[in-house]
Amino acid sequence: MPGVNVPDGVTLIGRTIVIKGEVRADEHLIVEGQVDGRIMVPKHGLAVGAHGRVTSEILARTITVLGQVDGKLTATERVELRKSGRVQGRIVAATLIIDEGAHFNGVVDPTLTETVMAVGRYRLRQQGDEDS
């Protein structure tokens, strides 16, 4: 696709894409469209781009928000809310970075990261067994 420079190992959900349901990836993910459902990328990073909108739960190694998220964000390493980012919900992460100008309304809990990630990995394994 001309004009798009997405590196290998990264998937882009474009601006006009609307997904209703769960998204799982074994590579980095950029959301510029809309996802209404759980996103699970426990070993990789997730970015919600400036045009992106996610409603539900996100589970990733790192999460960067430039767009809008309504739901629960869980990261093993860190969550970053950039200046244009808007989050309403719960953040579970060891490190949280909020840029000046970002909007956050919710609860932050740095103590449950390992527990929540273990539950997420268990759910992925269970669903993988059911899909076989």
C-alpha atoms as a PDB file:
ATOM      1  CA  MET A   1       0.000   0.000   0.000  1.00  0.00           C
ATOM      2  CA  PRO A   2       1.609   3.311  -1.059  1.00  0.00           C
ATOM      3  CA  GLY A   3       2.425   5.827   1.661  1.00  0.00           C
ATOM      4  CA  VAL A   4       2.213   3.336   4.553  1.00  0.00           C
ATOM      5  CA  ASN A   5       5.480   2.358   6.173  1.00  0.00           C
ATOM      6  CA  VAL A   6       4.653  -0.373   8.689  1.00  0.00           C
ATOM      7  CA  PRO A   7       7.726  -2.339   9.790  1.00  0.00           C
ATOM      8  CA  ASP A   8       7.873  -6.137   9.784  1.00  0.00           C
ATOM      9  CA  GLY A   9       6.385  -7.652  12.936  1.00  0.00           C
ATOM     10  CA  VAL A  10       3.751  -4.928  13.268  1.00  0.00           C
ATOM     11  CA  THR A  11       0.084  -5.109  12.276  1.00  0.00           C
ATOM     12  CA  LEU A  12      -1.954  -1.985  11.563  1.00  0.00           C
ATOM     13  CA  ILE A  13      -5.733  -1.857  11.963  1.00  0.00           C
ATOM     14  CA  GLY A  14      -6.569   1.033   9.625  1.00  0.00           C
ATOM     15  CA  ARG A  15      -8.863   4.024  10.190  1.00  0.00           C
ATOM     16  CA  THR A  16     -11.838   2.591   8.323  1.00  0.00           C
ATOM     17  CA  ILE A  17     -11.735  -0.831  10.000  1.00  0.00           C
ATOM     18  CA  VAL A  18     -14.345  -1.658  12.670  1.00  0.00           C
ATOM     19  CA  ILE A  19     -13.887  -4.886  14.620  1.00  0.00           C
ATOM     20  CA  LYS A  20     -16.513  -6.246  16.997  1.00  0.00           C
ATOM     21  CA  GLY A  21     -15.004  -9.134  18.901  1.00  0.00           C
ATOM     22  CA  GLU A  22     -11.706 -10.305  20.319  1.00  0.00           C
ATOM     23  CA  VAL A  23      -8.373  -9.499  18.667  1.00  0.00           C
ATOM     24  CA  ARG A  24      -5.294 -11.637  19.431  1.00  0.00           C
ATOM     25  CA  ALA A  25      -1.815 -11.039  18.031  1.00  0.00           C
ATOM     26  CA  ASP A  26       1.667 -12.471  18.373  1.00  0.00           C
ATOM     27  CA  GLU A  27       3.253  -9.246  17.127  1.00  0.00           C
ATOM     28  CA  HIS A  28       3.051  -5.520  17.830  1.00  0.00           C
ATOM     29  CA  LEU A  29      -0.298  -3.935  17.008  1.00  0.00           C
ATOM     30  CA  ILE A  30      -1.356  -0.407  16.042  1.00  0.00           C
ATOM     31  CA  VAL A  31      -5.067   0.457  16.174  1.00  0.00           C
ATOM     32  CA  GLU A  32      -6.130   3.434  14.054  1.00  0.00           C
ATOM     33  CA  GLY A  33      -9.659   2.110  13.545  1.00  0.00           C
ATOM     34  CA  GLN A  34     -12.255   0.951  16.056  1.00  0.00           C
ATOM     35  CA  VAL A  35     -12.204  -2.226  18.163  1.00  0.00           C
ATOM     36  CA  ASP A  36     -15.192  -3.122  20.333  1.00  0.00           C
ATOM     37  CA  GLY A  37     -13.864  -6.141  22.164  1.00  0.00           C
ATOM     38  CA  ARG A  38     -10.886  -7.531  24.038  1.00  0.00           C
ATOM     39  CA  ILE A  39      -7.381  -7.059  22.574  1.00  0.00           C
ATOM     40  CA  MET A  40      -4.762  -9.563  23.742  1.00  0.00           C
ATOM     41  CA  VAL A  41      -1.094  -9.144  22.799  1.00  0.00           C
ATOM     42  CA  PRO A  42       0.598 -10.212  26.070  1.00  0.00           C
ATOM     43  CA  LYS A  43       4.138 -10.493  24.675  1.00  0.00           C
ATOM     44  CA  HIS A  44       4.117  -7.351  22.539  1.00  0.00           C
ATOM     45  CA  GLY A  45       3.276  -3.664  22.431  1.00  0.00           C
ATOM     46  CA  LEU A  46      -0.029  -2.079  21.485  1.00  0.00           C
ATOM     47  CA  ALA A  47      -0.556   1.491  20.319  1.00  0.00           C
ATOM     48  CA  VAL A  48      -3.958   3.126  19.992  1.00  0.00           C
ATOM     49  CA  GLY A  49      -3.280   5.762  17.342  1.00  0.00           C
ATOM     50  CA  ALA A  50      -4.697   9.283  17.300  1.00  0.00           C
ATOM     51  CA  HIS A  51      -7.729   8.105  15.295  1.00  0.00           C
ATOM     52  CA  GLY A  52      -8.082   4.813  17.168  1.00  0.00           C
ATOM     53  CA  ARG A  53     -10.867   3.897  19.553  1.00  0.00           C
ATOM     54  CA  VAL A  54     -11.008   0.794  21.759  1.00  0.00           C
ATOM     55  CA  THR A  55     -13.935  -0.204  23.955  1.00  0.00           C
ATOM     56  CA  SER A  56     -13.227  -3.142  26.279  1.00  0.00           C
ATOM     57  CA  GLU A  57     -10.106  -4.722  27.767  1.00  0.00           C
ATOM     58  CA  ILE A  58      -6.505  -4.450  26.542  1.00  0.00           C
ATOM     59  CA  LEU A  59      -3.796  -6.871  27.671  1.00  0.00           C
ATOM     60  CA  ALA A  60      -0.252  -6.180  26.375  1.00  0.00           C
ATOM     61  CA  ARG A  61       3.384  -5.818  27.360  1.00  0.00           C
ATOM     62  CA  THR A  62       3.265  -2.055  26.705  1.00  0.00           C
ATOM     63  CA  ILE A  63       0.290   0.158  25.834  1.00  0.00           C
ATOM     64  CA  THR A  64       0.552   3.627  24.282  1.00  0.00           C
ATOM     65  CA  VAL A  65      -2.635   5.671  23.888  1.00  0.00           C
ATOM     66  CA  LEU A  66      -2.918   8.613  21.494  1.00  0.00           C
ATOM     67  CA  GLY A  67      -6.618   7.999  20.744  1.00  0.00           C
ATOM     68  CA  GLN A  68      -9.452   6.885  23.009  1.00  0.00           C
ATOM     69  CA  VAL A  69      -9.894   3.832  25.256  1.00  0.00           C
ATOM     70  CA  ASP A  70     -12.911   2.987  27.403  1.00  0.00           C
ATOM     71  CA  GLY A  71     -12.192  -0.072  29.506  1.00  0.00           C
ATOM     72  CA  LYS A  72      -9.422  -1.861  31.369  1.00  0.00           C
ATOM     73  CA  LEU A  73      -5.767  -1.551  30.346  1.00  0.00           C
ATOM     74  CA  THR A  74      -3.293  -4.109  31.697  1.00  0.00           C
ATOM     75  CA  ALA A  75       0.414  -3.964  30.831  1.00  0.00           C
ATOM     76  CA  THR A  76       3.324  -5.965  32.215  1.00  0.00           C
ATOM     77  CA  GLU A  77       5.735  -3.090  31.608  1.00  0.00           C
ATOM     78  CA  ARG A  78       4.057   0.289  31.151  1.00  0.00           C
ATOM     79  CA  VAL A  79       1.090   2.332  29.973  1.00  0.00           C
ATOM     80  CA  GLU A  80       1.691   5.697  28.321  1.00  0.00           C
ATOM     81  CA  LEU A  81      -1.057   8.262  27.802  1.00  0.00           C
ATOM     82  CA  ARG A  82       0.141  10.783  25.249  1.00  0.00           C
ATOM     83  CA  LYS A  83      -1.077  14.370  24.990  1.00  0.00           C
ATOM     84  CA  SER A  84      -3.984  13.479  22.658  1.00  0.00           C
ATOM     85  CA  GLY A  85      -4.901  10.312  24.598  1.00  0.00           C
ATOM     86  CA  ARG A  86      -8.188   9.831  26.440  1.00  0.00           C
ATOM     87  CA  VAL A  87      -8.764   6.907  28.801  1.00  0.00           C
ATOM     88  CA  GLN A  88     -11.761   6.094  30.927  1.00  0.00           C
ATOM     89  CA  GLY A  89     -11.488   2.969  33.027  1.00  0.00           C
ATOM     90  CA  ARG A  90      -8.932   1.012  35.003  1.00  0.00           C
ATOM     91  CA  ILE A  91      -5.173   0.833  34.461  1.00  0.00           C
ATOM     92  CA  VAL A  92      -3.134  -2.044  35.874  1.00  0.00           C
ATOM     93  CA  ALA A  93       0.574  -1.494  35.212  1.00  0.00           C
ATOM     94  CA  ALA A  94       3.853  -1.245  37.054  1.00  0.00           C
ATOM     95  CA  THR A  95       4.628   2.062  35.304  1.00  0.00           C
ATOM     96  CA  LEU A  96       2.201   4.756  34.161  1.00  0.00           C
ATOM     97  CA  ILE A  97       3.263   7.811  32.169  1.00  0.00           C
ATOM     98  CA  ILE A  98       0.686  10.562  31.580  1.00  0.00           C
ATOM     99  CA  ASP A  99       1.714  13.442  29.309  1.00  0.00           C
ATOM    100  CA  GLU A 100       0.458  16.933  30.035  1.00  0.00           C
ATOM    101  CA  GLY A 101      -2.848  17.394  28.205  1.00  0.00           C
ATOM    102  CA  ALA A 102      -3.881  13.721  28.307  1.00  0.00           C
ATOM    103  CA  HIS A 103      -7.252  12.890  29.878  1.00  0.00           C
ATOM    104  CA  PHE A 104      -7.696  10.059  32.367  1.00  0.00           C
ATOM    105  CA  ASN A 105     -10.766   9.222  34.418  1.00  0.00           C
ATOM    106  CA  GLY A 106     -10.570   6.029  36.420  1.00  0.00           C
ATOM    107  CA  VAL A 107      -8.487   3.937  38.788  1.00  0.00           C
ATOM    108  CA  VAL A 108      -4.807   2.963  38.699  1.00  0.00           C
ATOM    109  CA  ASP A 109      -3.643  -0.244  40.393  1.00  0.00           C
ATOM    110  CA  PRO A 110       0.066  -1.105  40.078  1.00  0.00           C
ATOM    111  CA  THR A 111      -0.151  -4.107  42.436  1.00  0.00           C
ATOM    112  CA  LEU A 112      -2.246  -6.545  40.381  1.00  0.00           C
ATOM    113  CA  THR A 113      -0.149  -6.707  37.205  1.00  0.00           C
ATOM    114  CA  GLU A 114       1.182 -10.259  37.611  1.00  0.00           C
ATOM    115  CA  THR A 115      -2.174 -11.663  38.722  1.00  0.00           C
ATOM    116  CA  VAL A 116      -4.108 -10.087  35.854  1.00  0.00           C
ATOM    117  CA  MET A 117      -1.506 -11.177  33.269  1.00  0.00           C
ATOM    118  CA  ALA A 118      -1.587 -14.754  34.597  1.00  0.00           C
ATOM    119  CA  VAL A 119      -5.374 -14.809  34.228  1.00  0.00           C
ATOM    120  CA  GLY A 120      -5.085 -13.383  30.701  1.00  0.00           C
ATOM    121  CA  ARG A 121      -2.527 -16.006  29.652  1.00  0.00           C
ATOM    122  CA  TYR A 122      -4.753 -18.735  31.125  1.00  0.00           C
ATOM    123  CA  ARG A 123      -7.744 -17.447  29.118  1.00  0.00           C
ATOM    124  CA  LEU A 124      -5.661 -17.446  25.924  1.00  0.00           C
ATOM    125  CA  ARG A 125      -4.585 -21.063  26.525  1.00  0.00           C
ATOM    126  CA  GLN A 126      -8.167 -22.144  27.268  1.00  0.00           C
ATOM    127  CA  GLN A 127      -9.522 -20.456  24.142  1.00  0.00           C
ATOM    128  CA  GLY A 128      -6.700 -21.919  22.052  1.00  0.00           C
ATOM    129  CA  ASP A 129      -7.669 -25.415  23.224  1.00  0.00           C
ATOM    130  CA  GLU A 130     -11.326 -24.768  22.354  1.00  0.00           C
ATOM    131  CA  ASP A 131     -10.424 -23.549  18.841  1.00  0.00           C
ATOM    132  CA  SER A 132      -8.486 -26.767  18.074  1.00  0.00           C
END
